[in-house]
C-alpha atoms as a PDB file:
ATOM      1  CA  UNK A   1      -0.912  25.066 -13.969  1.00  0.00           C
ATOM      2  CA  UNK A   2      -2.020  23.220 -10.802  1.00  0.00           C
ATOM      3  CA  UNK A   3      -4.817  24.516  -8.605  1.00  0.00           C
ATOM      4  CA  UNK A   4      -2.500  25.680  -5.808  1.00  0.00           C
ATOM      5  CA  UNK A   5      -0.332  27.578  -8.311  1.00  0.00           C
ATOM      6  CA  UNK A   6      -3.406  29.140  -9.933  1.00  0.00           C
ATOM      7  CA  UNK A   7      -4.803  30.339  -6.579  1.00  0.00           C
ATOM      8  CA  UNK A   8      -1.418  31.763  -5.572  1.00  0.00           C
ATOM      9  CA  UNK A   9      -0.978  33.642  -8.850  1.00  0.00           C
ATOM     10  CA  UNK A  10      -4.574  34.942  -8.718  1.00  0.00           C
ATOM     11  CA  UNK A  11      -4.051  36.346  -5.211  1.00  0.00           C
ATOM     12  CA  UNK A  12      -0.975  38.183  -6.456  1.00  0.00           C
ATOM     13  CA  UNK A  13      -2.816  39.450  -9.569  1.00  0.00           C
ATOM     14  CA  UNK A  14      -5.865  40.687  -7.624  1.00  0.00           C
ATOM     15  CA  UNK A  15      -3.670  42.389  -5.028  1.00  0.00           C
ATOM     16  CA  UNK A  16      -1.888  44.248  -7.836  1.00  0.00           C
ATOM     17  CA  UNK A  17      -5.255  45.216  -9.312  1.00  0.00           C
ATOM     18  CA  UNK A  18      -6.526  46.477  -5.930  1.00  0.00           C
ATOM     19  CA  UNK A  19      -3.422  48.639  -5.527  1.00  0.00           C
ATOM     20  CA  UNK A  20      -4.653  50.775  -8.431  1.00  0.00           C
ATOM     21  CA  UNK A  21      -7.712  51.966  -6.463  1.00  0.00           C
ATOM     22  CA  UNK A  22      -8.090  54.346  -3.534  1.00  0.00           C
ATOM     23  CA  UNK A  23      -9.470  52.903  -0.292  1.00  0.00           C
ATOM     24  CA  UNK A  24     -13.030  54.125  -0.874  1.00  0.00           C
ATOM     25  CA  UNK A  25     -13.080  53.286  -4.584  1.00  0.00           C
ATOM     26  CA  UNK A  26     -12.289  49.564  -4.501  1.00  0.00           C
ATOM     27  CA  UNK A  27     -14.808  47.427  -6.462  1.00  0.00           C
ATOM     28  CA  UNK A  28     -16.710  45.168  -4.062  1.00  0.00           C
ATOM     29  CA  UNK A  29     -16.560  42.229  -6.481  1.00  0.00           C
ATOM     30  CA  UNK A  30     -12.768  42.411  -6.559  1.00  0.00           C
ATOM     31  CA  UNK A  31     -12.628  42.379  -2.759  1.00  0.00           C
ATOM     32  CA  UNK A  32     -14.965  39.368  -2.590  1.00  0.00           C
ATOM     33  CA  UNK A  33     -12.775  37.589  -5.116  1.00  0.00           C
ATOM     34  CA  UNK A  34      -9.644  38.234  -3.053  1.00  0.00           C
ATOM     35  CA  UNK A  35     -11.335  37.125   0.180  1.00  0.00           C
ATOM     36  CA  UNK A  36     -12.453  33.868  -1.444  1.00  0.00           C
ATOM     37  CA  UNK A  37      -9.014  33.250  -2.957  1.00  0.00           C
ATOM     38  CA  UNK A  38      -7.365  33.754   0.441  1.00  0.00           C
ATOM     39  CA  UNK A  39      -9.863  31.381   2.056  1.00  0.00           C
ATOM     40  CA  UNK A  40      -9.180  28.735  -0.607  1.00  0.00           C
ATOM     41  CA  UNK A  41      -5.432  29.176  -0.179  1.00  0.00           C
ATOM     42  CA  UNK A  42      -5.791  28.787   3.583  1.00  0.00           C
ATOM     43  CA  UNK A  43      -7.808  25.605   3.047  1.00  0.00           C
ATOM     44  CA  UNK A  44      -5.212  24.118   0.682  1.00  0.00           C
ATOM     45  CA  UNK A  45      -2.258  24.939   2.945  1.00  0.00           C
ATOM     46  CA  UNK A  46      -4.141  23.747   6.035  1.00  0.00           C
ATOM     47  CA  UNK A  47      -3.997  20.265   4.446  1.00  0.00           C
ATOM     48  CA  UNK A  48      -7.055  18.969   6.349  1.00  0.00           C
ATOM     49  CA  UNK A  49      -8.294  17.654   3.001  1.00  0.00           C
ATOM     50  CA  UNK A  50      -5.212  15.498   2.616  1.00  0.00           C
ATOM     51  CA  UNK A  51      -5.141  11.847   3.597  1.00  0.00           C
ATOM     52  CA  UNK A  52      -3.334   9.741   4.613  1.00  0.00           C
ATOM     53  CA  UNK A  53      -2.005  12.076   7.272  1.00  0.00           C
ATOM     54  CA  UNK A  54       1.640  11.108   6.796  1.00  0.00           C
ATOM     55  CA  UNK A  55       1.615  12.752   3.349  1.00  0.00           C
ATOM     56  CA  UNK A  56       0.720  16.192   4.728  1.00  0.00           C
ATOM     57  CA  UNK A  57       4.264  17.134   5.751  1.00  0.00           C
ATOM     58  CA  UNK A  58       5.690  16.039   2.397  1.00  0.00           C
ATOM     59  CA  UNK A  59       3.128  18.018   0.393  1.00  0.00           C
ATOM     60  CA  UNK A  60       3.481  21.031   2.688  1.00  0.00           C
ATOM     61  CA  UNK A  61       7.203  21.302   1.949  1.00  0.00           C
ATOM     62  CA  UNK A  62       6.519  21.038  -1.784  1.00  0.00           C
ATOM     63  CA  UNK A  63       3.873  23.758  -1.954  1.00  0.00           C
ATOM     64  CA  UNK A  64       6.177  25.979   0.109  1.00  0.00           C
ATOM     65  CA  UNK A  65       8.809  25.858  -2.629  1.00  0.00           C
ATOM     66  CA  UNK A  66      11.178  22.980  -1.855  1.00  0.00           C
ATOM     67  CA  UNK A  67      12.357  20.885  -4.815  1.00  0.00           C
ATOM     68  CA  UNK A  68      11.068  17.331  -5.260  1.00  0.00           C
ATOM     69  CA  UNK A  69      14.485  15.711  -4.776  1.00  0.00           C
ATOM     70  CA  UNK A  70      15.164  17.715  -1.616  1.00  0.00           C
ATOM     71  CA  UNK A  71      11.764  16.740  -0.167  1.00  0.00           C
ATOM     72  CA  UNK A  72      12.433  13.064  -0.932  1.00  0.00           C
ATOM     73  CA  UNK A  73      15.786  13.193   0.862  1.00  0.00           C
ATOM     74  CA  UNK A  74      14.305  15.113   3.792  1.00  0.00           C
ATOM     75  CA  UNK A  75      11.621  12.488   4.392  1.00  0.00           C
ATOM     76  CA  UNK A  76      13.696   9.427   3.529  1.00  0.00           C
ATOM     77  CA  UNK A  77      11.650   8.314   0.507  1.00  0.00           C
ATOM     78  CA  UNK A  78      12.484   7.700  -3.136  1.00  0.00           C
ATOM     79  CA  UNK A  79      11.866  10.437  -5.705  1.00  0.00           C
ATOM     80  CA  UNK A  80       9.672   8.094  -7.785  1.00  0.00           C
ATOM     81  CA  UNK A  81       7.539   7.237  -4.754  1.00  0.00           C
ATOM     82  CA  UNK A  82       7.128  10.900  -3.837  1.00  0.00           C
ATOM     83  CA  UNK A  83       6.358  11.943  -7.430  1.00  0.00           C
ATOM     84  CA  UNK A  84       3.665   9.265  -7.660  1.00  0.00           C
ATOM     85  CA  UNK A  85       2.109  10.437  -4.386  1.00  0.00           C
ATOM     86  CA  UNK A  86       2.158  14.086  -5.473  1.00  0.00           C
ATOM     87  CA  UNK A  87       0.464  13.232  -8.774  1.00  0.00           C
ATOM     88  CA  UNK A  88      -2.352  11.476  -6.924  1.00  0.00           C
ATOM     89  CA  UNK A  89      -2.684  14.370  -4.457  1.00  0.00           C
ATOM     90  CA  UNK A  90      -2.900  16.960  -7.227  1.00  0.00           C
ATOM     91  CA  UNK A  91      -5.559  14.836  -8.921  1.00  0.00           C
ATOM     92  CA  UNK A  92      -7.496  14.720  -5.644  1.00  0.00           C
ATOM     93  CA  UNK A  93      -7.230  18.505  -5.291  1.00  0.00           C
ATOM     94  CA  UNK A  94      -8.471  18.881  -8.862  1.00  0.00           C
ATOM     95  CA  UNK A  95     -11.525  16.731  -8.064  1.00  0.00           C
ATOM     96  CA  UNK A  96     -12.146  18.728  -4.904  1.00  0.00           C
ATOM     97  CA  UNK A  97     -11.689  22.298  -6.181  1.00  0.00           C
ATOM     98  CA  UNK A  98     -11.797  22.043  -9.978  1.00  0.00           C
ATOM     99  CA  UNK A  99     -15.381  23.310 -10.089  1.00  0.00           C
ATOM    100  CA  UNK A 100     -14.532  26.217  -7.804  1.00  0.00           C
ATOM    101  CA  UNK A 101     -11.658  27.267 -10.064  1.00  0.00           C
ATOM    102  CA  UNK A 102     -13.908  26.953 -13.106  1.00  0.00           C
ATOM    103  CA  UNK A 103     -16.376  29.445 -11.628  1.00  0.00           C
ATOM    104  CA  UNK A 104     -13.535  31.770 -10.614  1.00  0.00           C
ATOM    105  CA  UNK A 105     -12.117  31.741 -14.133  1.00  0.00           C
ATOM    106  CA  UNK A 106     -15.523  32.647 -15.549  1.00  0.00           C
ATOM    107  CA  UNK A 107     -15.948  35.471 -13.016  1.00  0.00           C
ATOM    108  CA  UNK A 108     -18.831  33.824 -11.118  1.00  0.00           C
ATOM    109  CA  UNK A 109     -17.719  34.675  -7.584  1.00  0.00           C
ATOM    110  CA  UNK A 110     -20.963  33.771  -5.783  1.00  0.00           C
ATOM    111  CA  UNK A 111     -21.186  30.378  -7.474  1.00  0.00           C
ATOM    112  CA  UNK A 112     -17.503  29.765  -6.752  1.00  0.00           C
ATOM    113  CA  UNK A 113     -18.095  30.523  -3.064  1.00  0.00           C
ATOM    114  CA  UNK A 114     -21.146  28.255  -2.903  1.00  0.00           C
ATOM    115  CA  UNK A 115     -19.253  25.449  -4.642  1.00  0.00           C
ATOM    116  CA  UNK A 116     -16.326  25.866  -2.264  1.00  0.00           C
ATOM    117  CA  UNK A 117     -18.578  25.554   0.793  1.00  0.00           C
ATOM    118  CA  UNK A 118     -20.370  22.563  -0.692  1.00  0.00           C
ATOM    119  CA  UNK A 119     -17.216  20.692  -1.716  1.00  0.00           C
ATOM    120  CA  UNK A 120     -15.339  21.294   1.543  1.00  0.00           C
ATOM    121  CA  UNK A 121     -18.183  21.221   4.064  1.00  0.00           C
ATOM    122  CA  UNK A 122     -17.128  24.650   5.359  1.00  0.00           C
ATOM    123  CA  UNK A 123     -20.610  26.141   5.226  1.00  0.00           C
ATOM    124  CA  UNK A 124     -21.462  24.592   8.606  1.00  0.00           C
ATOM    125  CA  UNK A 125     -19.741  22.625  11.356  1.00  0.00           C
ATOM    126  CA  UNK A 126     -18.243  19.660   9.484  1.00  0.00           C
ATOM    127  CA  UNK A 127     -19.413  16.154  10.327  1.00  0.00           C
ATOM    128  CA  UNK A 128     -16.962  14.395   8.024  1.00  0.00           C
ATOM    129  CA  UNK A 129     -13.326  15.010   7.023  1.00  0.00           C
ATOM    130  CA  UNK A 130     -13.065  17.216   3.953  1.00  0.00           C
ATOM    131  CA  UNK A 131     -11.775  14.357   1.769  1.00  0.00           C
ATOM    132  CA  UNK A 132     -15.242  12.754   2.022  1.00  0.00           C
ATOM    133  CA  UNK A 133     -16.744  15.808   0.317  1.00  0.00           C
ATOM    134  CA  UNK A 134     -14.090  15.553  -2.403  1.00  0.00           C
ATOM    135  CA  UNK A 135     -15.247  12.020  -3.247  1.00  0.00           C
ATOM    136  CA  UNK A 136     -18.989  12.097  -2.516  1.00  0.00           C
ATOM    137  CA  UNK A 137     -21.123  15.091  -3.412  1.00  0.00           C
ATOM    138  CA  UNK A 138     -24.499  15.512  -1.626  1.00  0.00           C
ATOM    139  CA  UNK A 139     -27.076  14.886  -4.371  1.00  0.00           C
ATOM    140  CA  UNK A 140     -30.714  13.833  -3.977  1.00  0.00           C
ATOM    141  CA  UNK A 141     -31.657  10.565  -5.736  1.00  0.00           C
ATOM    142  CA  UNK A 142     -35.375   9.957  -5.275  1.00  0.00           C
ATOM    143  CA  UNK A 143     -35.074   6.347  -6.449  1.00  0.00           C
ATOM    144  CA  UNK A 144     -32.743   5.357  -3.592  1.00  0.00           C
ATOM    145  CA  UNK A 145     -34.357   3.306  -0.808  1.00  0.00           C
ATOM    146  CA  UNK A 146     -32.643   4.344   2.443  1.00  0.00           C
ATOM    147  CA  UNK A 147     -33.743   1.041   4.015  1.00  0.00           C
ATOM    148  CA  UNK A 148     -31.258  -0.711   1.701  1.00  0.00           C
ATOM    149  CA  UNK A 149     -28.301   1.515   2.674  1.00  0.00           C
ATOM    150  CA  UNK A 150     -26.946  -0.441   5.653  1.00  0.00           C
ATOM    151  CA  UNK A 151     -23.405  -0.791   4.234  1.00  0.00           C
ATOM    152  CA  UNK A 152     -23.279   2.862   3.198  1.00  0.00           C
ATOM    153  CA  UNK A 153     -24.504   4.024   6.622  1.00  0.00           C
ATOM    154  CA  UNK A 154     -21.896   1.778   8.264  1.00  0.00           C
ATOM    155  CA  UNK A 155     -19.175   3.420   6.143  1.00  0.00           C
ATOM    156  CA  UNK A 156     -20.305   6.972   6.903  1.00  0.00           C
ATOM    157  CA  UNK A 157     -20.570   6.241  10.626  1.00  0.00           C
ATOM    158  CA  UNK A 158     -16.935   5.093  10.616  1.00  0.00           C
ATOM    159  CA  UNK A 159     -15.888   8.429   9.073  1.00  0.00           C
ATOM    160  CA  UNK A 160     -17.629  10.830  11.476  1.00  0.00           C
ATOM    161  CA  UNK A 161     -14.946  13.178  12.820  1.00  0.00           C
ATOM    162  CA  UNK A 162     -16.055  12.958  16.439  1.00  0.00           C
ATOM    163  CA  UNK A 163     -15.941   9.158  16.356  1.00  0.00           C
ATOM    164  CA  UNK A 164     -12.502   9.142  14.737  1.00  0.00           C
ATOM    165  CA  UNK A 165     -11.210  11.502  17.430  1.00  0.00           C
ATOM    166  CA  UNK A 166     -12.618   9.317  20.214  1.00  0.00           C
ATOM    167  CA  UNK A 167     -11.018   6.229  18.650  1.00  0.00           C
ATOM    168  CA  UNK A 168      -7.610   7.928  18.342  1.00  0.00           C
ATOM    169  CA  UNK A 169      -7.704   9.099  21.966  1.00  0.00           C
ATOM    170  CA  UNK A 170      -8.537   5.569  23.137  1.00  0.00           C
ATOM    171  CA  UNK A 171      -5.368   4.095  21.601  1.00  0.00           C
ATOM    172  CA  UNK A 172      -1.683   4.265  22.551  1.00  0.00           C
ATOM    173  CA  UNK A 173      -0.356   7.570  21.172  1.00  0.00           C
ATOM    174  CA  UNK A 174       3.287   6.456  21.070  1.00  0.00           C
ATOM    175  CA  UNK A 175       2.358   3.354  19.074  1.00  0.00           C
ATOM    176  CA  UNK A 176       0.334   5.451  16.619  1.00  0.00           C
ATOM    177  CA  UNK A 177       3.181   7.934  16.238  1.00  0.00           C
ATOM    178  CA  UNK A 178       5.738   5.167  15.657  1.00  0.00           C
ATOM    179  CA  UNK A 179       3.508   3.475  13.072  1.00  0.00           C
ATOM    180  CA  UNK A 180       3.040   6.771  11.227  1.00  0.00           C
ATOM    181  CA  UNK A 181       6.816   7.275  11.284  1.00  0.00           C
ATOM    182  CA  UNK A 182       7.374   3.855   9.700  1.00  0.00           C
ATOM    183  CA  UNK A 183       4.701   4.483   7.064  1.00  0.00           C
ATOM    184  CA  UNK A 184       6.445   7.779   6.346  1.00  0.00           C
ATOM    185  CA  UNK A 185       9.874   6.127   5.868  1.00  0.00           C
ATOM    186  CA  UNK A 186       9.830   3.560   3.072  1.00  0.00           C
ATOM    187  CA  UNK A 187      13.642   3.387   2.890  1.00  0.00           C
ATOM    188  CA  UNK A 188      14.641   3.166   6.550  1.00  0.00           C
ATOM    189  CA  UNK A 189      11.894   0.615   7.329  1.00  0.00           C
ATOM    190  CA  UNK A 190      11.506  -0.999   3.925  1.00  0.00           C
ATOM    191  CA  UNK A 191      10.042  -4.393   4.942  1.00  0.00           C
ATOM    192  CA  UNK A 192       7.863  -3.154   7.796  1.00  0.00           C
ATOM    193  CA  UNK A 193       6.691  -0.258   5.625  1.00  0.00           C
ATOM    194  CA  UNK A 194       5.688  -2.673   2.866  1.00  0.00           C
ATOM    195  CA  UNK A 195       3.698  -4.873   5.253  1.00  0.00           C
ATOM    196  CA  UNK A 196       1.939  -1.902   6.855  1.00  0.00           C
ATOM    197  CA  UNK A 197       1.008  -0.423   3.481  1.00  0.00           C
ATOM    198  CA  UNK A 198      -0.429  -3.764   2.338  1.00  0.00           C
ATOM    199  CA  UNK A 199      -2.561  -3.783   5.470  1.00  0.00           C
ATOM    200  CA  UNK A 200      -3.656  -0.141   5.180  1.00  0.00           C
ATOM    201  CA  UNK A 201      -4.615  -0.709   1.552  1.00  0.00           C
ATOM    202  CA  UNK A 202      -6.745  -3.720   2.514  1.00  0.00           C
ATOM    203  CA  UNK A 203      -4.450  -6.461   1.237  1.00  0.00           C
ATOM    204  CA  UNK A 204      -3.970  -8.240   4.589  1.00  0.00           C
ATOM    205  CA  UNK A 205      -5.663  -8.108   7.991  1.00  0.00           C
ATOM    206  CA  UNK A 206      -4.050  -6.318  10.981  1.00  0.00           C
ATOM    207  CA  UNK A 207      -3.618  -9.613  12.887  1.00  0.00           C
ATOM    208  CA  UNK A 208      -1.818 -11.150   9.909  1.00  0.00           C
ATOM    209  CA  UNK A 209       0.305  -8.028   9.582  1.00  0.00           C
ATOM    210  CA  UNK A 210       1.552  -8.125  13.170  1.00  0.00           C
ATOM    211  CA  UNK A 211       2.214 -11.876  12.840  1.00  0.00           C
ATOM    212  CA  UNK A 212       4.328 -11.293   9.719  1.00  0.00           C
ATOM    213  CA  UNK A 213       6.213  -8.474  11.433  1.00  0.00           C
ATOM    214  CA  UNK A 214       6.905 -10.743  14.434  1.00  0.00           C
ATOM    215  CA  UNK A 215       8.188 -13.439  12.064  1.00  0.00           C
ATOM    216  CA  UNK A 216      10.400 -10.867  10.327  1.00  0.00           C
ATOM    217  CA  UNK A 217      11.791  -9.619  13.644  1.00  0.00           C
ATOM    218  CA  UNK A 218      12.505 -13.202  14.766  1.00  0.00           C
ATOM    219  CA  UNK A 219      14.434 -13.822  11.543  1.00  0.00           C
ATOM    220  CA  UNK A 220      16.758 -10.943  12.410  1.00  0.00           C
ATOM    221  CA  UNK A 221      17.580 -12.030  15.955  1.00  0.00           C
ATOM    222  CA  UNK A 222      20.423 -14.458  15.136  1.00  0.00           C
ATOM    223  CA  UNK A 223      22.218 -11.630  13.263  1.00  0.00           C
ATOM    224  CA  UNK A 224      21.408  -8.517  15.256  1.00  0.00           C
ATOM    225  CA  UNK A 225      20.451  -9.998  18.593  1.00  0.00           C
ATOM    226  CA  UNK A 226      17.381  -7.788  19.114  1.00  0.00           C
ATOM    227  CA  UNK A 227      14.229  -6.625  17.488  1.00  0.00           C
ATOM    228  CA  UNK A 228      14.662  -4.366  14.509  1.00  0.00           C
ATOM    229  CA  UNK A 229      11.485  -2.306  15.019  1.00  0.00           C
END
């Protein structure tokens, strides 16, 4: 059973258990468990933890009950491509919330709540996107010399939410939206999609990517008479 399915079934089970008690006789621990489960469910369905962003809509339709094949057709992607993405996303969710579920299963509600706040950065105003907390856990290492951490500091500074928001607002929104649409459609824009994904995964530089796309568009002009994308 995946984490999302477990949380959903636990909410249903605890709600059934609570229905057995009168309003003034409900065990406090059971209420705290339900509140935490609902918060975790809200976090999962909010999809802020999910990157890249274009996958959020696909995963949202899946966890809301749509079949894999229907989701693939809806978003114009192959079933194999979608299944591979979903497997990676479920693995990421396991890394992020596996410890929380472990504490819930053993009945340790307080530890589950603490772990949830730690892993998602929800205990205070978040500095980084939640996926950072799923990959890097804050742990003290006394042997680490901070003076030698220039590359690591450079990485973290590029991930600060406020800086990402400023960068997005400084760029052309229509261009960003169109690029996300192409990334999200590996059938309709097969060649352009492939080039963009190579770039996003670090295989080629952005300047080389746009040059290759221009070359591809030029190759289509004798046949179609205009740019394809």
